[in-house]
Amino acid sequence: MQDPTDGRMKPNPELLKDHLFNEGRLTEEQTVFILEAVTELMSREPNMLNLTGPVTVCGDIHGQFYDLMKAFEIGGKFTETNYLFLGDYCLLYLYTLKLWYPSALALLRGNHECRHLTGFFTFR
């Protein structure tokens, strides 16, 4: 697979989407790159979000990539609607999209994104 970070400051969402669609995996280095970039971006966001409509609200994804693709198919394009994810997503692709479309994606923390559970399930 071509490196989705591709020497850029942000990972290439189309490369990553195709790679994950074909059940590819990311290296630890690629994963850390995405996590550090989205952490830096989201740490600058306010605790209270002011979303403008239309907004497509998505419940728990639980890392199900194909369910996420279906949600985007039903919900519409980022240029036409904003998305609010209610936690429990665990998807690097979603973080990559957040880097490219920061105002179109709002990611709330669910119980699977809290430090207690990530430590319990050994996600560090």
C-alpha atoms as a PDB file:
ATOM      1  CA  MET A   1       0.000   0.000   0.000  1.00  0.00           C
ATOM      2  CA  GLN A   2       1.145   3.509  -0.721  1.00  0.00           C
ATOM      3  CA  ASP A   3       1.767   5.371   2.528  1.00  0.00           C
ATOM      4  CA  PRO A   4      -1.466   7.269   3.362  1.00  0.00           C
ATOM      5  CA  THR A   5       0.593   9.972   5.028  1.00  0.00           C
ATOM      6  CA  ASP A   6       2.470  10.334   1.751  1.00  0.00           C
ATOM      7  CA  GLY A   7       4.890  12.912   3.183  1.00  0.00           C
ATOM      8  CA  ARG A   8       1.989  15.253   3.886  1.00  0.00           C
ATOM      9  CA  MET A   9       0.910  17.017   7.013  1.00  0.00           C
ATOM     10  CA  LYS A  10      -2.412  15.151   6.776  1.00  0.00           C
ATOM     11  CA  PRO A  11      -3.049  11.553   5.675  1.00  0.00           C
ATOM     12  CA  ASN A  12      -4.671  11.043   2.279  1.00  0.00           C
ATOM     13  CA  PRO A  13      -8.319  10.091   2.987  1.00  0.00           C
ATOM     14  CA  GLU A  14      -8.922   8.415  -0.374  1.00  0.00           C
ATOM     15  CA  LEU A  15      -5.811   6.239  -0.089  1.00  0.00           C
ATOM     16  CA  LEU A  16      -6.767   5.264   3.440  1.00  0.00           C
ATOM     17  CA  LYS A  17     -10.388   4.564   2.492  1.00  0.00           C
ATOM     18  CA  ASP A  18      -9.342   2.257  -0.346  1.00  0.00           C
ATOM     19  CA  HIS A  19      -6.791   0.524   1.856  1.00  0.00           C
ATOM     20  CA  LEU A  20      -9.295  -0.109   4.653  1.00  0.00           C
ATOM     21  CA  PHE A  21     -12.022  -1.101   2.205  1.00  0.00           C
ATOM     22  CA  ASN A  22      -9.703  -3.909   1.083  1.00  0.00           C
ATOM     23  CA  GLU A  23      -9.170  -4.886   4.744  1.00  0.00           C
ATOM     24  CA  GLY A  24      -5.663  -3.448   4.888  1.00  0.00           C
ATOM     25  CA  ARG A  25      -3.889  -2.588   8.116  1.00  0.00           C
ATOM     26  CA  LEU A  26      -1.812   0.409   9.084  1.00  0.00           C
ATOM     27  CA  THR A  27       1.649   0.315  10.552  1.00  0.00           C
ATOM     28  CA  GLU A  28       2.232   1.561  14.072  1.00  0.00           C
ATOM     29  CA  GLU A  29       4.031   4.583  12.631  1.00  0.00           C
ATOM     30  CA  GLN A  30       1.075   5.470  10.373  1.00  0.00           C
ATOM     31  CA  THR A  31      -1.369   5.023  13.252  1.00  0.00           C
ATOM     32  CA  VAL A  32       0.640   7.238  15.600  1.00  0.00           C
ATOM     33  CA  PHE A  33       0.946   9.892  12.868  1.00  0.00           C
ATOM     34  CA  ILE A  34      -2.852  10.093  12.509  1.00  0.00           C
ATOM     35  CA  LEU A  35      -3.501  10.014  16.259  1.00  0.00           C
ATOM     36  CA  GLU A  36      -0.994  12.763  17.013  1.00  0.00           C
ATOM     37  CA  ALA A  37      -2.346  14.985  14.238  1.00  0.00           C
ATOM     38  CA  VAL A  38      -5.996  14.631  15.273  1.00  0.00           C
ATOM     39  CA  THR A  39      -5.133  15.034  18.964  1.00  0.00           C
ATOM     40  CA  GLU A  40      -3.429  18.332  18.197  1.00  0.00           C
ATOM     41  CA  LEU A  41      -6.420  19.509  16.137  1.00  0.00           C
ATOM     42  CA  MET A  42      -9.099  18.446  18.604  1.00  0.00           C
ATOM     43  CA  SER A  43      -7.237  19.841  21.612  1.00  0.00           C
ATOM     44  CA  ARG A  44      -7.845  23.302  20.137  1.00  0.00           C
ATOM     45  CA  GLU A  45     -11.614  22.785  19.801  1.00  0.00           C
ATOM     46  CA  PRO A  46     -13.970  24.209  22.424  1.00  0.00           C
ATOM     47  CA  ASN A  47     -15.770  21.927  24.880  1.00  0.00           C
ATOM     48  CA  MET A  48     -19.115  23.263  23.681  1.00  0.00           C
ATOM     49  CA  LEU A  49     -19.795  22.879  19.979  1.00  0.00           C
ATOM     50  CA  ASN A  50     -22.090  25.105  17.961  1.00  0.00           C
ATOM     51  CA  LEU A  51     -23.261  23.059  14.981  1.00  0.00           C
ATOM     52  CA  THR A  52     -25.173  24.461  12.043  1.00  0.00           C
ATOM     53  CA  GLY A  53     -27.632  22.383  10.055  1.00  0.00           C
ATOM     54  CA  PRO A  54     -28.143  20.242   8.331  1.00  0.00           C
ATOM     55  CA  VAL A  55     -26.498  17.716  10.655  1.00  0.00           C
ATOM     56  CA  THR A  56     -26.417  13.947  10.228  1.00  0.00           C
ATOM     57  CA  VAL A  57     -26.214  12.308  13.661  1.00  0.00           C
ATOM     58  CA  CYS A  58     -24.463   8.929  13.845  1.00  0.00           C
ATOM     59  CA  GLY A  59     -24.607   6.576  16.808  1.00  0.00           C
ATOM     60  CA  ASP A  60     -22.042   4.004  17.842  1.00  0.00           C
ATOM     61  CA  ILE A  61     -19.884   2.771  14.957  1.00  0.00           C
ATOM     62  CA  HIS A  62     -17.638   0.537  17.109  1.00  0.00           C
ATOM     63  CA  GLY A  63     -14.946   0.379  14.443  1.00  0.00           C
ATOM     64  CA  GLN A  64     -17.268  -1.016  11.764  1.00  0.00           C
ATOM     65  CA  PHE A  65     -15.779   0.539   8.637  1.00  0.00           C
ATOM     66  CA  TYR A  66     -18.498  -0.678   6.265  1.00  0.00           C
ATOM     67  CA  ASP A  67     -21.219   0.698   8.574  1.00  0.00           C
ATOM     68  CA  LEU A  68     -19.441   4.047   8.475  1.00  0.00           C
ATOM     69  CA  MET A  69     -19.382   3.942   4.665  1.00  0.00           C
ATOM     70  CA  LYS A  70     -23.134   3.236   4.675  1.00  0.00           C
ATOM     71  CA  ALA A  71     -23.738   6.150   7.068  1.00  0.00           C
ATOM     72  CA  PHE A  72     -21.902   8.470   4.675  1.00  0.00           C
ATOM     73  CA  GLU A  73     -23.848   7.058   1.726  1.00  0.00           C
ATOM     74  CA  ILE A  74     -27.153   7.758   3.480  1.00  0.00           C
ATOM     75  CA  GLY A  75     -26.152  11.009   5.211  1.00  0.00           C
ATOM     76  CA  GLY A  76     -24.649  12.806   2.252  1.00  0.00           C
ATOM     77  CA  LYS A  77     -21.423  14.571   1.348  1.00  0.00           C
ATOM     78  CA  PHE A  78     -19.391  16.755   3.698  1.00  0.00           C
ATOM     79  CA  THR A  79     -20.083  19.685   1.406  1.00  0.00           C
ATOM     80  CA  GLU A  80     -23.836  19.211   1.946  1.00  0.00           C
ATOM     81  CA  THR A  81     -24.192  18.216   5.602  1.00  0.00           C
ATOM     82  CA  ASN A  82     -22.284  18.241   8.851  1.00  0.00           C
ATOM     83  CA  TYR A  83     -21.797  15.061  10.862  1.00  0.00           C
ATOM     84  CA  LEU A  84     -22.066  14.515  14.593  1.00  0.00           C
ATOM     85  CA  PHE A  85     -20.681  11.225  15.911  1.00  0.00           C
ATOM     86  CA  LEU A  86     -21.918  10.257  19.365  1.00  0.00           C
ATOM     87  CA  GLY A  87     -18.823   8.368  20.463  1.00  0.00           C
ATOM     88  CA  ASP A  88     -17.674   4.760  20.267  1.00  0.00           C
ATOM     89  CA  TYR A  89     -16.232   5.110  16.792  1.00  0.00           C
ATOM     90  CA  CYS A  90     -12.600   3.860  17.101  1.00  0.00           C
ATOM     91  CA  LEU A  91     -11.789   4.516  13.458  1.00  0.00           C
ATOM     92  CA  LEU A  92      -8.603   6.082  12.143  1.00  0.00           C
ATOM     93  CA  TYR A  93     -10.417   6.855   8.903  1.00  0.00           C
ATOM     94  CA  LEU A  94     -12.856   9.050  10.815  1.00  0.00           C
ATOM     95  CA  TYR A  95      -9.921  10.861  12.421  1.00  0.00           C
ATOM     96  CA  THR A  96      -8.383  11.358   8.979  1.00  0.00           C
ATOM     97  CA  LEU A  97     -11.612  12.919   7.715  1.00  0.00           C
ATOM     98  CA  LYS A  98     -11.660  15.175  10.782  1.00  0.00           C
ATOM     99  CA  LEU A  99      -8.240  16.474   9.738  1.00  0.00           C
ATOM    100  CA  TRP A 100      -9.511  17.343   6.253  1.00  0.00           C
ATOM    101  CA  TYR A 101     -13.009  18.549   7.219  1.00  0.00           C
ATOM    102  CA  PRO A 102     -12.641  19.869  10.789  1.00  0.00           C
ATOM    103  CA  SER A 103     -15.811  21.967  10.788  1.00  0.00           C
ATOM    104  CA  ALA A 104     -17.943  19.307   9.060  1.00  0.00           C
ATOM    105  CA  LEU A 105     -17.228  16.560  11.621  1.00  0.00           C
ATOM    106  CA  ALA A 106     -17.949  16.743  15.341  1.00  0.00           C
ATOM    107  CA  LEU A 107     -16.713  13.803  17.389  1.00  0.00           C
ATOM    108  CA  LEU A 108     -18.115  13.389  20.888  1.00  0.00           C
ATOM    109  CA  ARG A 109     -16.352  11.088  23.290  1.00  0.00           C
ATOM    110  CA  GLY A 110     -18.162   7.864  24.098  1.00  0.00           C
ATOM    111  CA  ASN A 111     -17.351   5.329  26.773  1.00  0.00           C
ATOM    112  CA  HIS A 112     -14.918   3.560  24.423  1.00  0.00           C
ATOM    113  CA  GLU A 113     -12.903   6.773  24.047  1.00  0.00           C
ATOM    114  CA  CYS A 114     -12.504   7.320  27.795  1.00  0.00           C
ATOM    115  CA  ARG A 115      -9.172   6.582  29.452  1.00  0.00           C
ATOM    116  CA  HIS A 116     -10.683   3.987  31.819  1.00  0.00           C
ATOM    117  CA  LEU A 117     -12.006   1.713  29.076  1.00  0.00           C
ATOM    118  CA  THR A 118      -9.129   2.182  26.671  1.00  0.00           C
ATOM    119  CA  GLY A 119      -6.797   1.083  29.461  1.00  0.00           C
ATOM    120  CA  PHE A 120      -9.117  -1.821  30.331  1.00  0.00           C
ATOM    121  CA  PHE A 121      -9.136  -3.045  26.730  1.00  0.00           C
ATOM    122  CA  THR A 122      -5.367  -2.362  26.477  1.00  0.00           C
ATOM    123  CA  PHE A 123      -5.659   0.421  23.878  1.00  0.00           C
ATOM    124  CA  ARG A 124      -2.853   2.813  24.796  1.00  0.00           C
END
